[in-house]
Amino acid sequence: MLWLWLFNAVTTVVHFIGAHSAEIFINALQGGFAGCLMSDGYAV
């Protein structure tokens, strides 16, 4: 099963379609992150 990952900021929205794993999350934020995170509460 694939999941839709959504990362957004004030001027940018990024969509990923992939497995429900921490790897996508880690790769998306590898350049650094300073802000708030929100989750559906589903543990990975």
PDB file of N, CA and C in Angstrom:
ATOM      1  N   MET A   1       0.841  -1.175   0.000  1.00  0.00           N
ATOM      2  CA  MET A   1       0.000   0.000   0.000  1.00  0.00           C
ATOM      3  C   MET A   1       0.889   1.243   0.000  1.00  0.00           C
ATOM      4  N   LEU A   2       0.531   2.217  -0.795  1.00  0.00           N
ATOM      5  CA  LEU A   2       1.277   3.470  -0.863  1.00  0.00           C
ATOM      6  C   LEU A   2       0.535   4.570  -0.122  1.00  0.00           C
ATOM      7  N   TRP A   3       1.290   5.531   0.366  1.00  0.00           N
ATOM      8  CA  TRP A   3       0.754   6.655   1.123  1.00  0.00           C
ATOM      9  C   TRP A   3       1.106   7.949   0.422  1.00  0.00           C
ATOM     10  N   LEU A   4       0.290   8.962   0.621  1.00  0.00           N
ATOM     11  CA  LEU A   4       0.586  10.302   0.130  1.00  0.00           C
ATOM     12  C   LEU A   4       1.178  11.093   1.289  1.00  0.00           C
ATOM     13  N   TRP A   5       2.407  11.533   1.117  1.00  0.00           N
ATOM     14  CA  TRP A   5       3.083  12.377   2.099  1.00  0.00           C
ATOM     15  C   TRP A   5       2.995  13.804   1.600  1.00  0.00           C
ATOM     16  N   LEU A   6       2.687  14.737   2.481  1.00  0.00           N
ATOM     17  CA  LEU A   6       2.566  16.146   2.127  1.00  0.00           C
ATOM     18  C   LEU A   6       3.415  16.969   3.080  1.00  0.00           C
ATOM     19  N   PHE A   7       4.301  17.764   2.504  1.00  0.00           N
ATOM     20  CA  PHE A   7       5.121  18.699   3.274  1.00  0.00           C
ATOM     21  C   PHE A   7       4.842  20.081   2.708  1.00  0.00           C
ATOM     22  N   ASN A   8       4.476  21.015   3.576  1.00  0.00           N
ATOM     23  CA  ASN A   8       4.175  22.343   3.056  1.00  0.00           C
ATOM     24  C   ASN A   8       4.789  23.430   3.914  1.00  0.00           C
ATOM     25  N   ALA A   9       5.033  24.570   3.260  1.00  0.00           N
ATOM     26  CA  ALA A   9       5.533  25.783   3.893  1.00  0.00           C
ATOM     27  C   ALA A   9       4.709  26.943   3.337  1.00  0.00           C
ATOM     28  N   VAL A  10       5.086  28.131   3.670  1.00  0.00           N
ATOM     29  CA  VAL A  10       4.310  29.286   3.234  1.00  0.00           C
ATOM     30  C   VAL A  10       4.231  29.376   1.711  1.00  0.00           C
ATOM     31  N   THR A  11       5.327  29.108   1.027  1.00  0.00           N
ATOM     32  CA  THR A  11       5.349  29.269  -0.424  1.00  0.00           C
ATOM     33  C   THR A  11       5.580  27.977  -1.203  1.00  0.00           C
ATOM     34  N   THR A  12       5.675  26.839  -0.527  1.00  0.00           N
ATOM     35  CA  THR A  12       6.029  25.592  -1.194  1.00  0.00           C
ATOM     36  C   THR A  12       5.200  24.428  -0.669  1.00  0.00           C
ATOM     37  N   VAL A  13       4.799  23.542  -1.574  1.00  0.00           N
ATOM     38  CA  VAL A  13       4.146  22.291  -1.192  1.00  0.00           C
ATOM     39  C   VAL A  13       4.857  21.159  -1.927  1.00  0.00           C
ATOM     40  N   VAL A  14       5.230  20.110  -1.200  1.00  0.00           N
ATOM     41  CA  VAL A  14       5.901  18.956  -1.789  1.00  0.00           C
ATOM     42  C   VAL A  14       5.086  17.715  -1.480  1.00  0.00           C
ATOM     43  N   HIS A  15       4.830  16.903  -2.511  1.00  0.00           N
ATOM     44  CA  HIS A  15       4.098  15.648  -2.352  1.00  0.00           C
ATOM     45  C   HIS A  15       5.026  14.477  -2.648  1.00  0.00           C
ATOM     46  N   PHE A  16       4.957  13.457  -1.830  1.00  0.00           N
ATOM     47  CA  PHE A  16       5.655  12.201  -2.080  1.00  0.00           C
ATOM     48  C   PHE A  16       4.624  11.086  -2.043  1.00  0.00           C
ATOM     49  N   ILE A  17       4.746  10.131  -2.935  1.00  0.00           N
ATOM     50  CA  ILE A  17       3.933   8.925  -2.884  1.00  0.00           C
ATOM     51  C   ILE A  17       4.886   7.774  -2.642  1.00  0.00           C
ATOM     52  N   GLY A  18       4.666   7.048  -1.556  1.00  0.00           N
ATOM     53  CA  GLY A  18       5.576   5.953  -1.242  1.00  0.00           C
ATOM     54  C   GLY A  18       5.111   5.182  -0.033  1.00  0.00           C
ATOM     55  N   ALA A  19       5.979   4.318   0.425  1.00  0.00           N
ATOM     56  CA  ALA A  19       5.681   3.467   1.570  1.00  0.00           C
ATOM     57  C   ALA A  19       5.517   4.304   2.836  1.00  0.00           C
ATOM     58  N   HIS A  20       4.836   3.749   3.797  1.00  0.00           N
ATOM     59  CA  HIS A  20       4.649   4.417   5.082  1.00  0.00           C
ATOM     60  C   HIS A  20       5.829   4.042   5.967  1.00  0.00           C
ATOM     61  N   SER A  21       6.944   4.752   5.750  1.00  0.00           N
ATOM     62  CA  SER A  21       8.153   4.449   6.508  1.00  0.00           C
ATOM     63  C   SER A  21       8.857   5.740   6.887  1.00  0.00           C
ATOM     64  N   ALA A  22       9.706   5.639   7.875  1.00  0.00           N
ATOM     65  CA  ALA A  22      10.459   6.806   8.333  1.00  0.00           C
ATOM     66  C   ALA A  22      11.449   7.287   7.276  1.00  0.00           C
ATOM     67  N   GLU A  23      11.833   6.432   6.345  1.00  0.00           N
ATOM     68  CA  GLU A  23      12.824   6.796   5.330  1.00  0.00           C
ATOM     69  C   GLU A  23      12.368   7.989   4.490  1.00  0.00           C
ATOM     70  N   ILE A  24      11.124   8.033   4.088  1.00  0.00           N
ATOM     71  CA  ILE A  24      10.617   9.162   3.297  1.00  0.00           C
ATOM     72  C   ILE A  24      10.673  10.441   4.125  1.00  0.00           C
ATOM     73  N   PHE A  25      10.274  10.356   5.358  1.00  0.00           N
ATOM     74  CA  PHE A  25      10.287  11.515   6.248  1.00  0.00           C
ATOM     75  C   PHE A  25      11.715  12.036   6.440  1.00  0.00           C
ATOM     76  N   ILE A  26      12.643  11.151   6.698  1.00  0.00           N
ATOM     77  CA  ILE A  26      14.041  11.534   6.914  1.00  0.00           C
ATOM     78  C   ILE A  26      14.624  12.158   5.646  1.00  0.00           C
ATOM     79  N   ASN A  27      14.367  11.552   4.483  1.00  0.00           N
ATOM     80  CA  ASN A  27      14.877  12.095   3.219  1.00  0.00           C
ATOM     81  C   ASN A  27      14.294  13.464   2.907  1.00  0.00           C
ATOM     82  N   ALA A  28      13.050  13.683   3.220  1.00  0.00           N
ATOM     83  CA  ALA A  28      12.404  14.964   2.933  1.00  0.00           C
ATOM     84  C   ALA A  28      12.991  16.090   3.773  1.00  0.00           C
ATOM     85  N   LEU A  29      13.454  15.776   4.972  1.00  0.00           N
ATOM     86  CA  LEU A  29      13.967  16.804   5.871  1.00  0.00           C
ATOM     87  C   LEU A  29      15.484  16.804   5.994  1.00  0.00           C
ATOM     88  N   GLN A  30      16.179  16.136   5.093  1.00  0.00           N
ATOM     89  CA  GLN A  30      17.626  16.000   5.223  1.00  0.00           C
ATOM     90  C   GLN A  30      18.376  17.323   5.099  1.00  0.00           C
ATOM     91  N   GLY A  31      17.787  18.315   4.482  1.00  0.00           N
ATOM     92  CA  GLY A  31      18.444  19.609   4.349  1.00  0.00           C
ATOM     93  C   GLY A  31      18.311  20.482   5.587  1.00  0.00           C
ATOM     94  N   GLY A  32      17.666  19.985   6.602  1.00  0.00           N
ATOM     95  CA  GLY A  32      17.454  20.756   7.818  1.00  0.00           C
ATOM     96  C   GLY A  32      16.014  21.209   7.921  1.00  0.00           C
ATOM     97  N   PHE A  33      15.600  21.482   9.117  1.00  0.00           N
ATOM     98  CA  PHE A  33      14.211  21.884   9.334  1.00  0.00           C
ATOM     99  C   PHE A  33      14.131  22.743  10.579  1.00  0.00           C
ATOM    100  N   ALA A  34      13.403  23.836  10.492  1.00  0.00           N
ATOM    101  CA  ALA A  34      13.128  24.686  11.644  1.00  0.00           C
ATOM    102  C   ALA A  34      11.662  25.082  11.540  1.00  0.00           C
ATOM    103  N   GLY A  35      10.824  24.471  12.345  1.00  0.00           N
ATOM    104  CA  GLY A  35       9.413  24.784  12.281  1.00  0.00           C
ATOM    105  C   GLY A  35       8.584  23.807  13.086  1.00  0.00           C
ATOM    106  N   CYS A  36       7.314  23.760  12.801  1.00  0.00           N
ATOM    107  CA  CYS A  36       6.379  22.883  13.501  1.00  0.00           C
ATOM    108  C   CYS A  36       6.088  21.653  12.655  1.00  0.00           C
ATOM    109  N   LEU A  37       5.889  20.528  13.332  1.00  0.00           N
ATOM    110  CA  LEU A  37       5.516  19.297  12.644  1.00  0.00           C
ATOM    111  C   LEU A  37       4.128  18.879  13.083  1.00  0.00           C
ATOM    112  N   MET A  38       3.372  18.302  12.163  1.00  0.00           N
ATOM    113  CA  MET A  38       2.032  17.815  12.458  1.00  0.00           C
ATOM    114  C   MET A  38       1.901  16.421  11.879  1.00  0.00           C
ATOM    115  N   SER A  39       1.196  15.555  12.560  1.00  0.00           N
ATOM    116  CA  SER A  39       1.085  14.171  12.135  1.00  0.00           C
ATOM    117  C   SER A  39      -0.346  13.681  12.320  1.00  0.00           C
ATOM    118  N   ASP A  40      -0.695  12.627  11.563  1.00  0.00           N
ATOM    119  CA  ASP A  40      -2.000  12.013  11.754  1.00  0.00           C
ATOM    120  C   ASP A  40      -2.008  11.104  12.973  1.00  0.00           C
ATOM    121  N   GLY A  41      -0.840  10.957  13.618  1.00  0.00           N
ATOM    122  CA  GLY A  41      -0.753  10.146  14.827  1.00  0.00           C
ATOM    123  C   GLY A  41      -0.445   8.680  14.571  1.00  0.00           C
ATOM    124  N   TYR A  42      -0.298   8.293  13.299  1.00  0.00           N
ATOM    125  CA  TYR A  42      -0.005   6.913  12.967  1.00  0.00           C
ATOM    126  C   TYR A  42       1.478   6.664  13.182  1.00  0.00           C
ATOM    127  N   ALA A  43       1.813   5.753  14.052  1.00  0.00           N
ATOM    128  CA  ALA A  43       3.210   5.470  14.377  1.00  0.00           C
ATOM    129  C   ALA A  43       3.919   4.765  13.230  1.00  0.00           C
ATOM    130  N   VAL A  44       5.153   5.156  12.982  1.00  0.00           N
ATOM    131  CA  VAL A  44       5.963   4.539  11.931  1.00  0.00           C
ATOM    132  C   VAL A  44       7.005   3.661  12.590  1.00  0.00           C
TER     133      VAL A  44
END
